[in-house]
Amino acid sequence: KAAEKHGFTSVSIKDEAMNPTGSFNARGLSMAISKAKEFDVTECIIPTAGNAGGAMSAYCAKAGMKATVVMPQITPAIFKSECTIHGAEVIEIDGLISDCGREVAEIKLTTGAFDVSTMKEPYRLEGKKTMGYEIAEQSNWQLPDVIIYPAGGGTGLIAIWKAFKEMQEMGWITGSLPRMVAVQSANCQPVVKAYDDLKGIPNNYQKAKPSVAYGLAVPNSFGHDLMMKTLSESNGMAVAVAENDIIDAVYELAREEGILVCPEGAATWRALIQLKESGELTGKENILLMNTGSAYKYMDKLEK
């Protein structure tokens, strides 16, 4: 109904909220913690905007490993409770996830904890790669024309593209690969800024600010260059969405489609509308939006 109203022919959503701990982070952290356990690691630490910390805490609990989670003070209490209920130690930092990352670097020097930060070890990427394999299988091996992904740390975007390239090399899929679109908040858009600079598009973004889409508030992603490589190889693009538009998109999808997507996922819907308005997309493409988590953890921030 919402797609038809905006003039789109084919729009689907892959809903990662159905994963354990309510987000796509369960894919990466289940793999990372399983491998850490295999290598006799006894303690793990992670900087997080919310969902990754919850996922690591859950899998460390199952593995019998100590978990330390470093997250911004502004993160809603529900994310902190998710970690502490699983037995993790939660350390709160006045700042964004980049500040949490610096704190993790200090802590692990004294505790010896294994750092499972985004792209600092290989296995989270391999776990999230399963999204790409599932997209192919669930699409009957006919990939979408465009995939719109909410990119903060960017592991998911990079991992999906890695999966497609692997399947292409194995002969599982043929034909053109999808154009990959990275979506960020206007409050924190380093990838969009880099993309715009390459294309000669004016962009006044200078400093990161918090976002209602906590997973998008990543000022300096370790995977930045790989995200840009993915956009380049796929003939993709990067789009920034205003904070108010993100919240409006949550409401629109809830009221039009009965789907309660997280703010990060809602940003992809708004980005799609912007891309059609700008002429980048016609609306006739086969489009897949990625909803990376459950909106229920964000409810106190979504009321208008």
C-alpha atoms as a PDB file:
ATOM      1  CA  LYS A   1       0.000   0.000   0.000  1.00  0.00           C
ATOM      2  CA  ALA A   2       2.758   2.468   0.944  1.00  0.00           C
ATOM      3  CA  ALA A   3       4.834   1.536  -2.107  1.00  0.00           C
ATOM      4  CA  GLU A   4       1.900   2.012  -4.471  1.00  0.00           C
ATOM      5  CA  LYS A   5       1.068   5.378  -2.903  1.00  0.00           C
ATOM      6  CA  HIS A   6       4.585   6.624  -3.692  1.00  0.00           C
ATOM      7  CA  GLY A   7       4.685   5.171  -7.199  1.00  0.00           C
ATOM      8  CA  PHE A   8       6.843   2.071  -6.664  1.00  0.00           C
ATOM      9  CA  THR A   9       6.257  -1.176  -8.529  1.00  0.00           C
ATOM     10  CA  SER A  10       8.130  -3.659  -6.366  1.00  0.00           C
ATOM     11  CA  VAL A  11       9.385  -3.012  -2.816  1.00  0.00           C
ATOM     12  CA  SER A  12      10.191  -5.705  -0.243  1.00  0.00           C
ATOM     13  CA  ILE A  13      11.601  -5.568   3.281  1.00  0.00           C
ATOM     14  CA  LYS A  14      13.966  -8.128   4.766  1.00  0.00           C
ATOM     15  CA  ASP A  15      13.145  -8.041   8.472  1.00  0.00           C
ATOM     16  CA  GLU A  16      16.129  -8.773  10.704  1.00  0.00           C
ATOM     17  CA  ALA A  17      14.089  -8.060  13.856  1.00  0.00           C
ATOM     18  CA  MET A  18      13.184 -11.755  13.933  1.00  0.00           C
ATOM     19  CA  ASN A  19      16.728 -12.716  14.956  1.00  0.00           C
ATOM     20  CA  PRO A  20      17.635 -13.615  18.552  1.00  0.00           C
ATOM     21  CA  THR A  21      18.147 -10.389  20.580  1.00  0.00           C
ATOM     22  CA  GLY A  22      16.039  -8.558  18.010  1.00  0.00           C
ATOM     23  CA  SER A  23      18.576  -7.408  15.425  1.00  0.00           C
ATOM     24  CA  PHE A  24      20.924  -8.414  12.627  1.00  0.00           C
ATOM     25  CA  ASN A  25      23.791  -8.210  15.134  1.00  0.00           C
ATOM     26  CA  ALA A  26      22.918 -11.703  16.328  1.00  0.00           C
ATOM     27  CA  ARG A  27      24.259 -13.026  13.022  1.00  0.00           C
ATOM     28  CA  GLY A  28      27.694 -11.505  13.439  1.00  0.00           C
ATOM     29  CA  LEU A  29      28.091 -11.910  17.182  1.00  0.00           C
ATOM     30  CA  SER A  30      26.977 -15.552  17.216  1.00  0.00           C
ATOM     31  CA  MET A  31      29.795 -16.297  14.792  1.00  0.00           C
ATOM     32  CA  ALA A  32      32.356 -14.073  16.527  1.00  0.00           C
ATOM     33  CA  ILE A  33      31.720 -15.441  20.019  1.00  0.00           C
ATOM     34  CA  SER A  34      31.599 -19.041  18.778  1.00  0.00           C
ATOM     35  CA  LYS A  35      35.033 -18.622  17.206  1.00  0.00           C
ATOM     36  CA  ALA A  36      36.363 -16.821  20.274  1.00  0.00           C
ATOM     37  CA  LYS A  37      35.216 -19.751  22.390  1.00  0.00           C
ATOM     38  CA  GLU A  38      36.918 -22.140  19.969  1.00  0.00           C
ATOM     39  CA  PHE A  39      40.165 -20.184  20.443  1.00  0.00           C
ATOM     40  CA  ASP A  40      39.865 -20.358  24.262  1.00  0.00           C
ATOM     41  CA  VAL A  41      39.029 -16.670  24.740  1.00  0.00           C
ATOM     42  CA  THR A  42      37.504 -16.123  28.183  1.00  0.00           C
ATOM     43  CA  GLU A  43      36.548 -12.426  28.073  1.00  0.00           C
ATOM     44  CA  CYS A  44      35.181 -10.178  25.323  1.00  0.00           C
ATOM     45  CA  ILE A  45      34.629  -6.437  25.100  1.00  0.00           C
ATOM     46  CA  ILE A  46      32.693  -4.317  22.615  1.00  0.00           C
ATOM     47  CA  PRO A  47      31.794  -0.676  21.975  1.00  0.00           C
ATOM     48  CA  THR A  48      28.162  -0.431  20.947  1.00  0.00           C
ATOM     49  CA  ALA A  49      25.324   1.891  20.102  1.00  0.00           C
ATOM     50  CA  GLY A  50      22.979  -0.700  21.624  1.00  0.00           C
ATOM     51  CA  ASN A  51      22.073  -3.821  19.676  1.00  0.00           C
ATOM     52  CA  ALA A  52      25.567  -5.259  19.195  1.00  0.00           C
ATOM     53  CA  GLY A  53      26.175  -5.093  22.935  1.00  0.00           C
ATOM     54  CA  GLY A  54      22.987  -6.995  23.645  1.00  0.00           C
ATOM     55  CA  ALA A  55      23.871  -9.678  21.119  1.00  0.00           C
ATOM     56  CA  MET A  56      27.407 -10.098  22.446  1.00  0.00           C
ATOM     57  CA  SER A  57      26.133 -10.293  26.022  1.00  0.00           C
ATOM     58  CA  ALA A  58      23.673 -13.051  25.127  1.00  0.00           C
ATOM     59  CA  TYR A  59      26.206 -15.208  23.287  1.00  0.00           C
ATOM     60  CA  CYS A  60      28.899 -14.663  25.920  1.00  0.00           C
ATOM     61  CA  ALA A  61      26.390 -15.836  28.535  1.00  0.00           C
ATOM     62  CA  LYS A  62      25.757 -19.000  26.545  1.00  0.00           C
ATOM     63  CA  ALA A  63      29.509 -19.535  26.059  1.00  0.00           C
ATOM     64  CA  GLY A  64      30.352 -18.945  29.731  1.00  0.00           C
ATOM     65  CA  MET A  65      32.539 -15.954  28.896  1.00  0.00           C
ATOM     66  CA  LYS A  66      32.838 -12.593  30.632  1.00  0.00           C
ATOM     67  CA  ALA A  67      31.324  -9.725  28.654  1.00  0.00           C
ATOM     68  CA  THR A  68      32.069  -6.012  28.946  1.00  0.00           C
ATOM     69  CA  VAL A  69      29.912  -3.585  26.991  1.00  0.00           C
ATOM     70  CA  VAL A  70      30.840   0.089  26.508  1.00  0.00           C
ATOM     71  CA  MET A  71      27.989   2.276  25.280  1.00  0.00           C
ATOM     72  CA  PRO A  72      26.998   5.950  25.156  1.00  0.00           C
ATOM     73  CA  GLN A  73      25.177   7.317  28.199  1.00  0.00           C
ATOM     74  CA  ILE A  74      22.374   8.540  25.934  1.00  0.00           C
ATOM     75  CA  THR A  75      21.527   4.977  24.890  1.00  0.00           C
ATOM     76  CA  PRO A  76      18.034   4.035  26.133  1.00  0.00           C
ATOM     77  CA  ALA A  77      17.905   2.045  29.361  1.00  0.00           C
ATOM     78  CA  ILE A  78      16.379  -0.978  27.624  1.00  0.00           C
ATOM     79  CA  PHE A  79      19.633  -1.626  25.747  1.00  0.00           C
ATOM     80  CA  LYS A  80      21.626  -1.413  28.983  1.00  0.00           C
ATOM     81  CA  SER A  81      19.212  -3.710  30.785  1.00  0.00           C
ATOM     82  CA  GLU A  82      19.452  -6.266  27.983  1.00  0.00           C
ATOM     83  CA  CYS A  83      23.197  -6.480  28.589  1.00  0.00           C
ATOM     84  CA  THR A  84      23.122  -6.534  32.396  1.00  0.00           C
ATOM     85  CA  ILE A  85      20.378  -9.174  32.519  1.00  0.00           C
ATOM     86  CA  HIS A  86      22.657 -11.409  30.470  1.00  0.00           C
ATOM     87  CA  GLY A  87      25.402 -10.808  33.042  1.00  0.00           C
ATOM     88  CA  ALA A  88      27.540  -8.297  31.165  1.00  0.00           C
ATOM     89  CA  GLU A  89      29.320  -5.363  32.751  1.00  0.00           C
ATOM     90  CA  VAL A  90      28.067  -2.125  31.196  1.00  0.00           C
ATOM     91  CA  ILE A  91      30.290   0.960  31.109  1.00  0.00           C
ATOM     92  CA  GLU A  92      28.651   4.221  30.047  1.00  0.00           C
ATOM     93  CA  ILE A  93      30.557   6.936  28.187  1.00  0.00           C
ATOM     94  CA  ASP A  94      29.689  10.586  27.605  1.00  0.00           C
ATOM     95  CA  GLY A  95      29.902  10.627  23.817  1.00  0.00           C
ATOM     96  CA  LEU A  96      29.187   8.540  20.721  1.00  0.00           C
ATOM     97  CA  ILE A  97      30.319   5.041  19.761  1.00  0.00           C
ATOM     98  CA  SER A  98      33.667   6.401  18.549  1.00  0.00           C
ATOM     99  CA  ASP A  99      34.355   7.577  22.113  1.00  0.00           C
ATOM    100  CA  CYS A 100      33.332   4.141  23.371  1.00  0.00           C
ATOM    101  CA  GLY A 101      35.822   2.602  20.952  1.00  0.00           C
ATOM    102  CA  ARG A 102      38.649   4.639  22.452  1.00  0.00           C
ATOM    103  CA  GLU A 103      37.624   3.501  25.927  1.00  0.00           C
ATOM    104  CA  VAL A 104      37.614  -0.131  24.782  1.00  0.00           C
ATOM    105  CA  ALA A 105      41.153   0.283  23.442  1.00  0.00           C
ATOM    106  CA  GLU A 106      42.270   1.419  26.893  1.00  0.00           C
ATOM    107  CA  ILE A 107      40.380  -1.207  28.890  1.00  0.00           C
ATOM    108  CA  LYS A 108      41.564  -4.189  26.878  1.00  0.00           C
ATOM    109  CA  LEU A 109      45.200  -3.254  27.511  1.00  0.00           C
ATOM    110  CA  THR A 110      44.726  -3.935  31.220  1.00  0.00           C
ATOM    111  CA  THR A 111      42.149  -6.745  31.167  1.00  0.00           C
ATOM    112  CA  GLY A 112      43.304  -8.685  28.123  1.00  0.00           C
ATOM    113  CA  ALA A 113      39.705  -8.885  26.905  1.00  0.00           C
ATOM    114  CA  PHE A 114      39.242  -9.806  23.244  1.00  0.00           C
ATOM    115  CA  ASP A 115      37.963  -6.861  21.197  1.00  0.00           C
ATOM    116  CA  VAL A 116      35.018  -7.724  18.941  1.00  0.00           C
ATOM    117  CA  SER A 117      34.611  -4.189  17.594  1.00  0.00           C
ATOM    118  CA  THR A 118      33.207  -3.828  14.083  1.00  0.00           C
ATOM    119  CA  MET A 119      35.754  -5.025  11.503  1.00  0.00           C
ATOM    120  CA  LYS A 120      38.471  -5.510  14.154  1.00  0.00           C
ATOM    121  CA  GLU A 121      38.113  -9.297  13.806  1.00  0.00           C
ATOM    122  CA  PRO A 122      36.937 -11.319  10.769  1.00  0.00           C
ATOM    123  CA  TYR A 123      34.062 -13.388  12.076  1.00  0.00           C
ATOM    124  CA  ARG A 124      31.305 -10.806  12.590  1.00  0.00           C
ATOM    125  CA  LEU A 125      31.545 -10.095   8.871  1.00  0.00           C
ATOM    126  CA  GLU A 126      31.254 -13.793   8.048  1.00  0.00           C
ATOM    127  CA  GLY A 127      28.194 -14.141  10.251  1.00  0.00           C
ATOM    128  CA  LYS A 128      26.447 -11.169   8.696  1.00  0.00           C
ATOM    129  CA  LYS A 129      27.309 -12.504   5.256  1.00  0.00           C
ATOM    130  CA  THR A 130      24.440 -14.969   5.699  1.00  0.00           C
ATOM    131  CA  MET A 131      22.079 -12.066   4.948  1.00  0.00           C
ATOM    132  CA  GLY A 132      23.382 -12.035   1.385  1.00  0.00           C
ATOM    133  CA  TYR A 133      22.960 -15.781   0.967  1.00  0.00           C
ATOM    134  CA  GLU A 134      19.421 -15.584   2.347  1.00  0.00           C
ATOM    135  CA  ILE A 135      18.512 -12.695   0.051  1.00  0.00           C
ATOM    136  CA  ALA A 136      19.548 -14.808  -2.941  1.00  0.00           C
ATOM    137  CA  GLU A 137      17.730 -17.923  -1.753  1.00  0.00           C
ATOM    138  CA  GLN A 138      14.574 -16.078  -0.693  1.00  0.00           C
ATOM    139  CA  SER A 139      14.532 -14.219  -4.032  1.00  0.00           C
ATOM    140  CA  ASN A 140      14.663 -17.540  -5.896  1.00  0.00           C
ATOM    141  CA  TRP A 141      18.222 -16.679  -7.001  1.00  0.00           C
ATOM    142  CA  GLN A 142      17.028 -13.570  -8.869  1.00  0.00           C
ATOM    143  CA  LEU A 143      18.591 -10.711  -6.953  1.00  0.00           C
ATOM    144  CA  PRO A 144      16.881  -7.323  -6.535  1.00  0.00           C
ATOM    145  CA  ASP A 145      17.919  -4.413  -8.711  1.00  0.00           C
ATOM    146  CA  VAL A 146      18.606  -2.219  -5.680  1.00  0.00           C
ATOM    147  CA  ILE A 147      19.306  -2.964  -2.014  1.00  0.00           C
ATOM    148  CA  ILE A 148      18.972  -0.084   0.438  1.00  0.00           C
ATOM    149  CA  TYR A 149      20.905  -0.605   3.655  1.00  0.00           C
ATOM    150  CA  PRO A 150      21.236   1.523   6.837  1.00  0.00           C
ATOM    151  CA  ALA A 151      24.999   1.832   7.233  1.00  0.00           C
ATOM    152  CA  GLY A 152      26.656   2.844  10.494  1.00  0.00           C
ATOM    153  CA  GLY A 153      29.657   0.604  11.034  1.00  0.00           C
ATOM    154  CA  GLY A 154      28.886  -0.829   7.614  1.00  0.00           C
ATOM    155  CA  THR A 155      29.589  -4.507   8.300  1.00  0.00           C
ATOM    156  CA  GLY A 156      26.227  -5.597   6.940  1.00  0.00           C
ATOM    157  CA  LEU A 157      26.603  -3.665   3.696  1.00  0.00           C
ATOM    158  CA  ILE A 158      30.102  -5.026   3.155  1.00  0.00           C
ATOM    159  CA  ALA A 159      29.083  -8.559   4.125  1.00  0.00           C
ATOM    160  CA  ILE A 160      26.084  -8.737   1.781  1.00  0.00           C
ATOM    161  CA  TRP A 161      28.257  -7.608  -1.123  1.00  0.00           C
ATOM    162  CA  LYS A 162      30.913 -10.177  -0.176  1.00  0.00           C
ATOM    163  CA  ALA A 163      28.254 -12.896  -0.230  1.00  0.00           C
ATOM    164  CA  PHE A 164      27.065 -11.848  -3.685  1.00  0.00           C
ATOM    165  CA  LYS A 165      30.596 -11.871  -5.081  1.00  0.00           C
ATOM    166  CA  GLU A 166      31.203 -15.345  -3.636  1.00  0.00           C
ATOM    167  CA  MET A 167      27.972 -16.727  -5.094  1.00  0.00           C
ATOM    168  CA  GLN A 168      28.800 -15.172  -8.430  1.00  0.00           C
ATOM    169  CA  GLU A 169      32.224 -16.832  -8.433  1.00  0.00           C
ATOM    170  CA  MET A 170      30.630 -20.186  -7.570  1.00  0.00           C
ATOM    171  CA  GLY A 171      28.088 -19.831 -10.358  1.00  0.00           C
ATOM    172  CA  TRP A 172      25.115 -19.796  -7.983  1.00  0.00           C
ATOM    173  CA  ILE A 173      23.900 -16.477  -9.354  1.00  0.00           C
ATOM    174  CA  THR A 174      24.263 -14.894 -12.775  1.00  0.00           C
ATOM    175  CA  GLY A 175      23.515 -11.535 -14.269  1.00  0.00           C
ATOM    176  CA  SER A 176      23.957  -8.097 -12.773  1.00  0.00           C
ATOM    177  CA  LEU A 177      24.430  -7.644  -9.045  1.00  0.00           C
ATOM    178  CA  PRO A 178      22.241  -5.140  -7.176  1.00  0.00           C
ATOM    179  CA  ARG A 179      23.119  -1.492  -6.765  1.00  0.00           C
ATOM    180  CA  MET A 180      23.954  -1.050  -3.075  1.00  0.00           C
ATOM    181  CA  VAL A 181      22.675   2.096  -1.370  1.00  0.00           C
ATOM    182  CA  ALA A 182      24.116   3.178   1.988  1.00  0.00           C
ATOM    183  CA  VAL A 183      21.716   5.216   4.124  1.00  0.00           C
ATOM    184  CA  GLN A 184      22.832   7.412   7.004  1.00  0.00           C
ATOM    185  CA  SER A 185      21.298  10.009   9.299  1.00  0.00           C
ATOM    186  CA  ALA A 186      21.836  13.642   8.376  1.00  0.00           C
ATOM    187  CA  ASN A 187      23.192  13.986  11.933  1.00  0.00           C
ATOM    188  CA  CYS A 188      26.021  11.522  11.227  1.00  0.00           C
ATOM    189  CA  GLN A 189      26.854  11.008   7.550  1.00  0.00           C
ATOM    190  CA  PRO A 190      30.577  10.421   6.966  1.00  0.00           C
ATOM    191  CA  VAL A 191      29.956   7.926   4.153  1.00  0.00           C
ATOM    192  CA  VAL A 192      27.447  10.219   2.442  1.00  0.00           C
ATOM    193  CA  LYS A 193      29.897  13.111   2.760  1.00  0.00           C
ATOM    194  CA  ALA A 194      32.693  11.035   1.183  1.00  0.00           C
ATOM    195  CA  TYR A 195      30.379   9.894  -1.620  1.00  0.00           C
ATOM    196  CA  ASP A 196      29.173  13.435  -2.295  1.00  0.00           C
ATOM    197  CA  ASP A 197      32.750  14.715  -2.349  1.00  0.00           C
ATOM    198  CA  LEU A 198      33.637  12.129  -4.991  1.00  0.00           C
ATOM    199  CA  LYS A 199      30.633  13.117  -7.098  1.00  0.00           C
ATOM    200  CA  GLY A 200      31.179  16.837  -6.645  1.00  0.00           C
ATOM    201  CA  ILE A 201      27.902  17.228  -4.744  1.00  0.00           C
ATOM    202  CA  PRO A 202      27.825  20.034  -2.137  1.00  0.00           C
ATOM    203  CA  ASN A 203      27.627  18.657   1.418  1.00  0.00           C
ATOM    204  CA  ASN A 204      28.089  20.844   4.500  1.00  0.00           C
ATOM    205  CA  TYR A 205      28.316  17.987   7.006  1.00  0.00           C
ATOM    206  CA  GLN A 206      31.168  18.567   9.470  1.00  0.00           C
ATOM    207  CA  LYS A 207      30.557  17.019  12.886  1.00  0.00           C
ATOM    208  CA  ALA A 208      28.608  13.986  14.078  1.00  0.00           C
ATOM    209  CA  LYS A 209      25.634  14.397  16.380  1.00  0.00           C
ATOM    210  CA  PRO A 210      23.443  11.775  18.094  1.00  0.00           C
ATOM    211  CA  SER A 211      20.641  10.191  16.100  1.00  0.00           C
ATOM    212  CA  VAL A 212      17.366   8.510  17.012  1.00  0.00           C
ATOM    213  CA  ALA A 213      18.756   5.725  14.806  1.00  0.00           C
ATOM    214  CA  TYR A 214      21.487   4.779  17.293  1.00  0.00           C
ATOM    215  CA  GLY A 215      23.124   2.308  14.937  1.00  0.00           C
ATOM    216  CA  LEU A 216      23.764   5.085  12.413  1.00  0.00           C
ATOM    217  CA  ALA A 217      25.603   7.365  14.856  1.00  0.00           C
ATOM    218  CA  VAL A 218      29.072   6.109  13.887  1.00  0.00           C
ATOM    219  CA  PRO A 219      31.370   9.097  13.176  1.00  0.00           C
ATOM    220  CA  ASN A 220      34.443   7.117  12.097  1.00  0.00           C
ATOM    221  CA  SER A 221      33.799   3.605  10.829  1.00  0.00           C
ATOM    222  CA  PHE A 222      36.745   1.207  10.627  1.00  0.00           C
ATOM    223  CA  GLY A 223      35.052  -0.214   7.509  1.00  0.00           C
ATOM    224  CA  HIS A 224      34.700   3.156   5.751  1.00  0.00           C
ATOM    225  CA  ASP A 225      36.991   2.312   2.825  1.00  0.00           C
ATOM    226  CA  LEU A 226      35.308  -1.051   2.268  1.00  0.00           C
ATOM    227  CA  MET A 227      31.899   0.631   2.280  1.00  0.00           C
ATOM    228  CA  MET A 228      33.088   3.079  -0.368  1.00  0.00           C
ATOM    229  CA  LYS A 229      34.528   0.179  -2.383  1.00  0.00           C
ATOM    230  CA  THR A 230      31.180  -1.628  -2.224  1.00  0.00           C
ATOM    231  CA  LEU A 231      29.328   1.457  -3.437  1.00  0.00           C
ATOM    232  CA  SER A 232      31.803   1.914  -6.261  1.00  0.00           C
ATOM    233  CA  GLU A 233      31.765  -1.715  -7.425  1.00  0.00           C
ATOM    234  CA  SER A 234      27.972  -1.913  -7.332  1.00  0.00           C
ATOM    235  CA  ASN A 235      27.388   1.460  -9.012  1.00  0.00           C
ATOM    236  CA  GLY A 236      25.633   2.367  -5.798  1.00  0.00           C
ATOM    237  CA  MET A 237      25.167   5.570  -3.875  1.00  0.00           C
ATOM    238  CA  ALA A 238      24.868   7.050  -0.383  1.00  0.00           C
ATOM    239  CA  VAL A 239      21.920   9.026   0.979  1.00  0.00           C
ATOM    240  CA  ALA A 240      21.348  11.021   4.175  1.00  0.00           C
ATOM    241  CA  VAL A 241      17.931  11.217   5.842  1.00  0.00           C
ATOM    242  CA  ALA A 242      16.811  13.934   8.272  1.00  0.00           C
ATOM    243  CA  GLU A 243      15.944  12.917  11.832  1.00  0.00           C
ATOM    244  CA  ASN A 244      12.306  14.002  11.564  1.00  0.00           C
ATOM    245  CA  ASP A 245      11.939  12.074   8.320  1.00  0.00           C
ATOM    246  CA  ILE A 246      13.266   8.925  10.004  1.00  0.00           C
ATOM    247  CA  ILE A 247      10.615   9.123  12.722  1.00  0.00           C
ATOM    248  CA  ASP A 248       7.896   9.952  10.180  1.00  0.00           C
ATOM    249  CA  ALA A 249       8.936   6.884   8.177  1.00  0.00           C
ATOM    250  CA  VAL A 250       8.543   4.652  11.256  1.00  0.00           C
ATOM    251  CA  TYR A 251       4.976   5.911  11.606  1.00  0.00           C
ATOM    252  CA  GLU A 252       4.154   5.633   7.915  1.00  0.00           C
ATOM    253  CA  LEU A 253       5.227   1.999   7.648  1.00  0.00           C
ATOM    254  CA  ALA A 254       3.464   1.151  10.910  1.00  0.00           C
ATOM    255  CA  ARG A 255       0.178   2.745   9.838  1.00  0.00           C
ATOM    256  CA  GLU A 256       0.245   1.786   6.165  1.00  0.00           C
ATOM    257  CA  GLU A 257       1.803  -1.674   6.368  1.00  0.00           C
ATOM    258  CA  GLY A 258       1.467  -2.803   9.983  1.00  0.00           C
ATOM    259  CA  ILE A 259       5.252  -3.195  10.199  1.00  0.00           C
ATOM    260  CA  LEU A 260       7.050  -1.649  13.157  1.00  0.00           C
ATOM    261  CA  VAL A 261      10.602  -1.127  11.889  1.00  0.00           C
ATOM    262  CA  CYS A 262      13.522   0.285  13.845  1.00  0.00           C
ATOM    263  CA  PRO A 263      14.615   3.859  12.999  1.00  0.00           C
ATOM    264  CA  GLU A 264      17.575   2.537  11.021  1.00  0.00           C
ATOM    265  CA  GLY A 265      15.215   0.459   8.877  1.00  0.00           C
ATOM    266  CA  ALA A 266      12.787   3.360   8.555  1.00  0.00           C
ATOM    267  CA  ALA A 267      15.622   5.476   7.177  1.00  0.00           C
ATOM    268  CA  THR A 268      15.827   3.138   4.171  1.00  0.00           C
ATOM    269  CA  TRP A 269      12.181   3.768   3.325  1.00  0.00           C
ATOM    270  CA  ARG A 270      12.614   7.515   3.460  1.00  0.00           C
ATOM    271  CA  ALA A 271      15.836   7.241   1.440  1.00  0.00           C
ATOM    272  CA  LEU A 272      13.945   5.312  -1.248  1.00  0.00           C
ATOM    273  CA  ILE A 273      11.380   8.110  -1.526  1.00  0.00           C
ATOM    274  CA  GLN A 274      14.170  10.691  -1.771  1.00  0.00           C
ATOM    275  CA  LEU A 275      15.900   8.717  -4.522  1.00  0.00           C
ATOM    276  CA  LYS A 276      12.715   8.652  -6.579  1.00  0.00           C
ATOM    277  CA  GLU A 277      12.099  12.349  -5.999  1.00  0.00           C
ATOM    278  CA  SER A 278      15.630  13.150  -7.161  1.00  0.00           C
ATOM    279  CA  GLY A 279      15.326  10.948 -10.264  1.00  0.00           C
ATOM    280  CA  GLU A 280      18.038   8.491  -9.170  1.00  0.00           C
ATOM    281  CA  LEU A 281      15.399   5.723  -9.257  1.00  0.00           C
ATOM    282  CA  THR A 282      12.317   5.491 -11.456  1.00  0.00           C
ATOM    283  CA  GLY A 283      10.166   3.456  -9.092  1.00  0.00           C
ATOM    284  CA  LYS A 284       9.987   0.531 -11.514  1.00  0.00           C
ATOM    285  CA  GLU A 285      13.034  -1.233 -10.062  1.00  0.00           C
ATOM    286  CA  ASN A 286      12.821  -4.343  -7.900  1.00  0.00           C
ATOM    287  CA  ILE A 287      13.878  -2.858  -4.563  1.00  0.00           C
ATOM    288  CA  LEU A 288      14.798  -4.479  -1.250  1.00  0.00           C
ATOM    289  CA  LEU A 289      14.926  -2.525   2.006  1.00  0.00           C
ATOM    290  CA  MET A 290      16.835  -3.888   4.987  1.00  0.00           C
ATOM    291  CA  ASN A 291      15.269  -3.466   8.426  1.00  0.00           C
ATOM    292  CA  THR A 292      18.120  -4.249  10.799  1.00  0.00           C
ATOM    293  CA  GLY A 293      16.255  -4.532  14.088  1.00  0.00           C
ATOM    294  CA  SER A 294      13.178  -4.315  16.269  1.00  0.00           C
ATOM    295  CA  ALA A 295      11.510  -0.972  16.970  1.00  0.00           C
ATOM    296  CA  TYR A 296      10.371  -2.104  20.398  1.00  0.00           C
ATOM    297  CA  LYS A 297      13.693  -1.125  21.983  1.00  0.00           C
ATOM    298  CA  TYR A 298      13.264   2.443  20.702  1.00  0.00           C
ATOM    299  CA  MET A 299       9.671   3.121  21.710  1.00  0.00           C
ATOM    300  CA  ASP A 300      10.410   5.840  24.247  1.00  0.00           C
ATOM    301  CA  LYS A 301      12.219   7.828  21.548  1.00  0.00           C
ATOM    302  CA  LEU A 302       9.598   7.412  18.834  1.00  0.00           C
ATOM    303  CA  GLU A 303       6.602   9.125  20.380  1.00  0.00           C
ATOM    304  CA  LYS A 304       5.850  12.386  18.579  1.00  0.00           C
END
